[in-house]
Amino acid sequence: MINITTVSGADEAPVNVTLHNIRSEEVFTMAAIIAKIGFADAFKNADADMLTAIQYEKPDKPRKQWTKREVEIDGEMNVKLQGFYGMFVGTIISNIATVKNDVITLLAQGTDNTTEFIKNLDADDFVDLLYAYIARDSFKDFFVRASKLAGAMKFL
């Protein structure tokens, strides 16, 4: 769980918002967002190296103990990931207006608040909450698992 303190107006007292672990109902909202925003297009446009970089796992030891080759591979993967993220962000920005209500619903679900509460957050608080939602490990894990599931379903 993540606690965020919001201040939606100069006259208002700070409000603590708890961001809980991703629940099953949020998966469906995320799927709707993915479909509308064109994430599939971003993955279609990604080359095999970019997709490999998404699933790359760093060596399970302190960086000081990495071999020269492990350091090189890590650097190559980071460059490929940045290229993918750039393309990914471009896709999101070009389609963001289509998912406004879905994002508000997702944040409401993730914090056990109403959509009205989320809509009335100051822009800074809204962006902080959105960032906290997508920056956490469980969100990243969702996309790794979803991409593995999508890959497995290709064989059906």
C-alpha atoms as a PDB file:
ATOM      1  CA  MET A   1       0.000   0.000   0.000  1.00  0.00           C
ATOM      2  CA  ILE A   2       1.121   3.532  -0.737  1.00  0.00           C
ATOM      3  CA  ASN A   3      -0.054   6.624   1.149  1.00  0.00           C
ATOM      4  CA  ILE A   4      -0.206   9.944  -0.676  1.00  0.00           C
ATOM      5  CA  THR A   5      -1.034  13.267   0.918  1.00  0.00           C
ATOM      6  CA  THR A   6      -3.071  15.540  -1.331  1.00  0.00           C
ATOM      7  CA  VAL A   7      -3.861  19.201  -0.886  1.00  0.00           C
ATOM      8  CA  SER A   8      -6.592  20.082  -3.366  1.00  0.00           C
ATOM      9  CA  GLY A   9      -6.980  23.702  -2.390  1.00  0.00           C
ATOM     10  CA  ALA A  10      -5.243  26.371  -0.337  1.00  0.00           C
ATOM     11  CA  ASP A  11      -8.104  26.399   2.169  1.00  0.00           C
ATOM     12  CA  GLU A  12      -8.279  22.633   2.521  1.00  0.00           C
ATOM     13  CA  ALA A  13      -6.446  20.389   4.932  1.00  0.00           C
ATOM     14  CA  PRO A  14      -4.224  17.658   3.483  1.00  0.00           C
ATOM     15  CA  VAL A  15      -5.973  14.368   2.754  1.00  0.00           C
ATOM     16  CA  ASN A  16      -4.220  11.010   2.953  1.00  0.00           C
ATOM     17  CA  VAL A  17      -5.036   8.778   0.009  1.00  0.00           C
ATOM     18  CA  THR A  18      -4.097   5.108   0.228  1.00  0.00           C
ATOM     19  CA  LEU A  19      -3.189   3.369  -2.989  1.00  0.00           C
ATOM     20  CA  HIS A  20      -3.784  -0.355  -2.455  1.00  0.00           C
ATOM     21  CA  ASN A  21      -2.391  -3.303  -4.391  1.00  0.00           C
ATOM     22  CA  ILE A  22      -3.909  -3.802  -7.821  1.00  0.00           C
ATOM     23  CA  ARG A  23      -7.192  -5.697  -7.577  1.00  0.00           C
ATOM     24  CA  SER A  24      -8.905  -7.830 -10.182  1.00  0.00           C
ATOM     25  CA  GLU A  25     -11.515  -5.152 -11.022  1.00  0.00           C
ATOM     26  CA  GLU A  26      -8.695  -2.790 -11.974  1.00  0.00           C
ATOM     27  CA  VAL A  27      -7.372  -5.290 -14.512  1.00  0.00           C
ATOM     28  CA  PHE A  28     -10.518  -4.820 -16.589  1.00  0.00           C
ATOM     29  CA  THR A  29     -10.225  -1.029 -16.415  1.00  0.00           C
ATOM     30  CA  MET A  30      -6.561  -1.270 -17.430  1.00  0.00           C
ATOM     31  CA  ALA A  31      -7.533  -3.545 -20.322  1.00  0.00           C
ATOM     32  CA  ALA A  32     -10.047  -0.938 -21.531  1.00  0.00           C
ATOM     33  CA  ILE A  33      -7.379   1.763 -21.300  1.00  0.00           C
ATOM     34  CA  ILE A  34      -4.890  -0.406 -23.181  1.00  0.00           C
ATOM     35  CA  ALA A  35      -7.390  -1.055 -25.950  1.00  0.00           C
ATOM     36  CA  LYS A  36      -8.339   2.605 -26.326  1.00  0.00           C
ATOM     37  CA  ILE A  37      -4.918   4.175 -26.017  1.00  0.00           C
ATOM     38  CA  GLY A  38      -3.205   2.043 -28.615  1.00  0.00           C
ATOM     39  CA  PHE A  39      -0.705   0.159 -26.472  1.00  0.00           C
ATOM     40  CA  ALA A  40      -1.055  -2.748 -28.875  1.00  0.00           C
ATOM     41  CA  ASP A  41       0.160  -0.455 -31.649  1.00  0.00           C
ATOM     42  CA  ALA A  42       3.201   0.460 -29.564  1.00  0.00           C
ATOM     43  CA  PHE A  43       4.013  -3.215 -29.095  1.00  0.00           C
ATOM     44  CA  LYS A  44       3.411  -3.936 -32.803  1.00  0.00           C
ATOM     45  CA  ASN A  45       5.842  -1.167 -33.717  1.00  0.00           C
ATOM     46  CA  ALA A  46       8.467  -2.371 -31.254  1.00  0.00           C
ATOM     47  CA  ASP A  47      11.222  -4.490 -32.694  1.00  0.00           C
ATOM     48  CA  ALA A  48      12.301  -7.812 -31.190  1.00  0.00           C
ATOM     49  CA  ASP A  49      15.209  -6.185 -29.336  1.00  0.00           C
ATOM     50  CA  MET A  50      12.854  -3.752 -27.601  1.00  0.00           C
ATOM     51  CA  LEU A  51      10.572  -6.588 -26.538  1.00  0.00           C
ATOM     52  CA  THR A  52      13.562  -8.523 -25.212  1.00  0.00           C
ATOM     53  CA  ALA A  53      14.621  -5.449 -23.238  1.00  0.00           C
ATOM     54  CA  ILE A  54      11.172  -5.246 -21.598  1.00  0.00           C
ATOM     55  CA  GLN A  55      11.619  -8.735 -20.140  1.00  0.00           C
ATOM     56  CA  TYR A  56      15.313  -8.270 -19.277  1.00  0.00           C
ATOM     57  CA  GLU A  57      16.216  -9.037 -15.688  1.00  0.00           C
ATOM     58  CA  LYS A  58      19.366  -7.589 -14.200  1.00  0.00           C
ATOM     59  CA  PRO A  59      21.897 -10.005 -12.679  1.00  0.00           C
ATOM     60  CA  ASP A  60      20.900 -11.014  -9.168  1.00  0.00           C
ATOM     61  CA  LYS A  61      24.054  -9.724  -7.486  1.00  0.00           C
ATOM     62  CA  PRO A  62      25.548  -6.362  -6.547  1.00  0.00           C
ATOM     63  CA  ARG A  63      26.594  -4.311  -9.583  1.00  0.00           C
ATOM     64  CA  LYS A  64      30.187  -4.324  -8.348  1.00  0.00           C
ATOM     65  CA  GLN A  65      30.226  -8.083  -8.950  1.00  0.00           C
ATOM     66  CA  TRP A  66      28.917  -7.923 -12.523  1.00  0.00           C
ATOM     67  CA  THR A  67      31.174  -9.104 -15.308  1.00  0.00           C
ATOM     68  CA  LYS A  68      32.199  -6.711 -18.049  1.00  0.00           C
ATOM     69  CA  ARG A  69      29.720  -8.432 -20.404  1.00  0.00           C
ATOM     70  CA  GLU A  70      26.868  -8.112 -17.876  1.00  0.00           C
ATOM     71  CA  VAL A  71      27.554  -4.364 -17.636  1.00  0.00           C
ATOM     72  CA  GLU A  72      27.554  -4.091 -21.453  1.00  0.00           C
ATOM     73  CA  ILE A  73      24.294  -6.035 -21.775  1.00  0.00           C
ATOM     74  CA  ASP A  74      22.670  -3.893 -19.083  1.00  0.00           C
ATOM     75  CA  GLY A  75      23.671  -0.738 -20.945  1.00  0.00           C
ATOM     76  CA  GLU A  76      22.344  -2.112 -24.251  1.00  0.00           C
ATOM     77  CA  MET A  77      19.046  -3.094 -22.633  1.00  0.00           C
ATOM     78  CA  ASN A  78      18.660   0.375 -21.082  1.00  0.00           C
ATOM     79  CA  VAL A  79      19.169   2.044 -24.478  1.00  0.00           C
ATOM     80  CA  LYS A  80      16.583  -0.274 -26.077  1.00  0.00           C
ATOM     81  CA  LEU A  81      14.144   0.328 -23.222  1.00  0.00           C
ATOM     82  CA  GLN A  82      14.472   4.085 -23.566  1.00  0.00           C
ATOM     83  CA  GLY A  83      13.696   3.787 -27.271  1.00  0.00           C
ATOM     84  CA  PHE A  84      10.621   1.715 -26.487  1.00  0.00           C
ATOM     85  CA  TYR A  85       9.485   4.090 -23.737  1.00  0.00           C
ATOM     86  CA  GLY A  86       9.835   7.042 -26.101  1.00  0.00           C
ATOM     87  CA  MET A  87       7.642   5.316 -28.671  1.00  0.00           C
ATOM     88  CA  PHE A  88       5.253   4.203 -25.914  1.00  0.00           C
ATOM     89  CA  VAL A  89       4.885   7.725 -24.496  1.00  0.00           C
ATOM     90  CA  GLY A  90       4.253   9.108 -27.996  1.00  0.00           C
ATOM     91  CA  THR A  91       1.438   6.600 -28.449  1.00  0.00           C
ATOM     92  CA  ILE A  92      -0.053   7.521 -25.080  1.00  0.00           C
ATOM     93  CA  ILE A  93       0.077  11.257 -25.703  1.00  0.00           C
ATOM     94  CA  SER A  94      -1.584  10.954 -29.090  1.00  0.00           C
ATOM     95  CA  ASN A  95      -4.507   9.026 -27.564  1.00  0.00           C
ATOM     96  CA  ILE A  96      -4.750  10.348 -24.000  1.00  0.00           C
ATOM     97  CA  ALA A  97      -8.067  12.192 -24.392  1.00  0.00           C
ATOM     98  CA  THR A  98      -9.851   8.945 -25.281  1.00  0.00           C
ATOM     99  CA  VAL A  99      -9.114   7.418 -21.870  1.00  0.00           C
ATOM    100  CA  LYS A 100      -9.771  10.334 -19.524  1.00  0.00           C
ATOM    101  CA  ASN A 101     -12.786   8.754 -17.802  1.00  0.00           C
ATOM    102  CA  ASP A 102     -11.131   5.323 -17.650  1.00  0.00           C
ATOM    103  CA  VAL A 103      -8.032   6.755 -15.945  1.00  0.00           C
ATOM    104  CA  ILE A 104     -10.196   8.606 -13.430  1.00  0.00           C
ATOM    105  CA  THR A 105     -12.129   5.381 -12.762  1.00  0.00           C
ATOM    106  CA  LEU A 106      -8.882   3.410 -12.377  1.00  0.00           C
ATOM    107  CA  LEU A 107      -7.512   5.865  -9.817  1.00  0.00           C
ATOM    108  CA  ALA A 108     -10.832   5.861  -7.960  1.00  0.00           C
ATOM    109  CA  GLN A 109     -10.757   2.044  -7.849  1.00  0.00           C
ATOM    110  CA  GLY A 110      -7.117   2.039  -6.779  1.00  0.00           C
ATOM    111  CA  THR A 111      -7.771   4.372  -3.861  1.00  0.00           C
ATOM    112  CA  ASP A 112     -11.304   3.309  -2.885  1.00  0.00           C
ATOM    113  CA  ASN A 113     -12.546   6.825  -3.643  1.00  0.00           C
ATOM    114  CA  THR A 114     -15.238   8.193  -5.902  1.00  0.00           C
ATOM    115  CA  THR A 115     -14.600   9.409  -9.419  1.00  0.00           C
ATOM    116  CA  GLU A 116     -15.796  12.836  -8.232  1.00  0.00           C
ATOM    117  CA  PHE A 117     -13.032  12.891  -5.630  1.00  0.00           C
ATOM    118  CA  ILE A 118     -10.416  12.100  -8.305  1.00  0.00           C
ATOM    119  CA  LYS A 119     -11.894  14.655 -10.740  1.00  0.00           C
ATOM    120  CA  ASN A 120     -11.671  17.365  -8.082  1.00  0.00           C
ATOM    121  CA  LEU A 121      -8.005  16.839  -7.219  1.00  0.00           C
ATOM    122  CA  ASP A 122      -5.651  19.672  -8.079  1.00  0.00           C
ATOM    123  CA  ALA A 123      -3.597  18.942 -11.178  1.00  0.00           C
ATOM    124  CA  ASP A 124      -0.426  18.436  -9.113  1.00  0.00           C
ATOM    125  CA  ASP A 125      -2.148  15.944  -6.813  1.00  0.00           C
ATOM    126  CA  PHE A 126      -3.722  14.140  -9.764  1.00  0.00           C
ATOM    127  CA  VAL A 127      -0.373  13.784 -11.531  1.00  0.00           C
ATOM    128  CA  ASP A 128       1.321  12.654  -8.292  1.00  0.00           C
ATOM    129  CA  LEU A 129      -1.363  10.024  -7.776  1.00  0.00           C
ATOM    130  CA  LEU A 130      -1.187   8.847 -11.386  1.00  0.00           C
ATOM    131  CA  TYR A 131       2.603   8.631 -11.162  1.00  0.00           C
ATOM    132  CA  ALA A 132       2.409   6.686  -7.882  1.00  0.00           C
ATOM    133  CA  TYR A 133      -0.052   4.271  -9.504  1.00  0.00           C
ATOM    134  CA  ILE A 134       2.100   3.521 -12.548  1.00  0.00           C
ATOM    135  CA  ALA A 135       5.525   3.707 -10.857  1.00  0.00           C
ATOM    136  CA  ARG A 136       4.903   0.881  -8.431  1.00  0.00           C
ATOM    137  CA  ASP A 137       6.223  -2.610  -9.006  1.00  0.00           C
ATOM    138  CA  SER A 138       2.806  -4.277  -9.165  1.00  0.00           C
ATOM    139  CA  PHE A 139       1.873  -2.089 -12.163  1.00  0.00           C
ATOM    140  CA  LYS A 140       5.071  -3.018 -13.988  1.00  0.00           C
ATOM    141  CA  ASP A 141       4.537  -6.686 -13.092  1.00  0.00           C
ATOM    142  CA  PHE A 142       1.044  -6.500 -14.586  1.00  0.00           C
ATOM    143  CA  PHE A 143       2.462  -5.502 -17.975  1.00  0.00           C
ATOM    144  CA  VAL A 144       5.167  -8.164 -17.883  1.00  0.00           C
ATOM    145  CA  ARG A 145       2.558 -10.836 -17.102  1.00  0.00           C
ATOM    146  CA  ALA A 146       0.116  -9.459 -19.672  1.00  0.00           C
ATOM    147  CA  SER A 147       2.782  -9.538 -22.388  1.00  0.00           C
ATOM    148  CA  LYS A 148       3.687 -13.123 -21.454  1.00  0.00           C
ATOM    149  CA  LEU A 149       0.007 -14.081 -21.525  1.00  0.00           C
ATOM    150  CA  ALA A 150      -0.449 -12.389 -24.907  1.00  0.00           C
ATOM    151  CA  GLY A 151       2.564 -14.305 -26.217  1.00  0.00           C
ATOM    152  CA  ALA A 152       1.170 -17.588 -24.913  1.00  0.00           C
ATOM    153  CA  MET A 153      -2.235 -16.890 -26.475  1.00  0.00           C
ATOM    154  CA  LYS A 154      -0.657 -16.524 -29.926  1.00  0.00           C
ATOM    155  CA  PHE A 155      -0.220 -20.279 -29.924  1.00  0.00           C
ATOM    156  CA  LEU A 156      -3.903 -21.016 -29.277  1.00  0.00           C
END
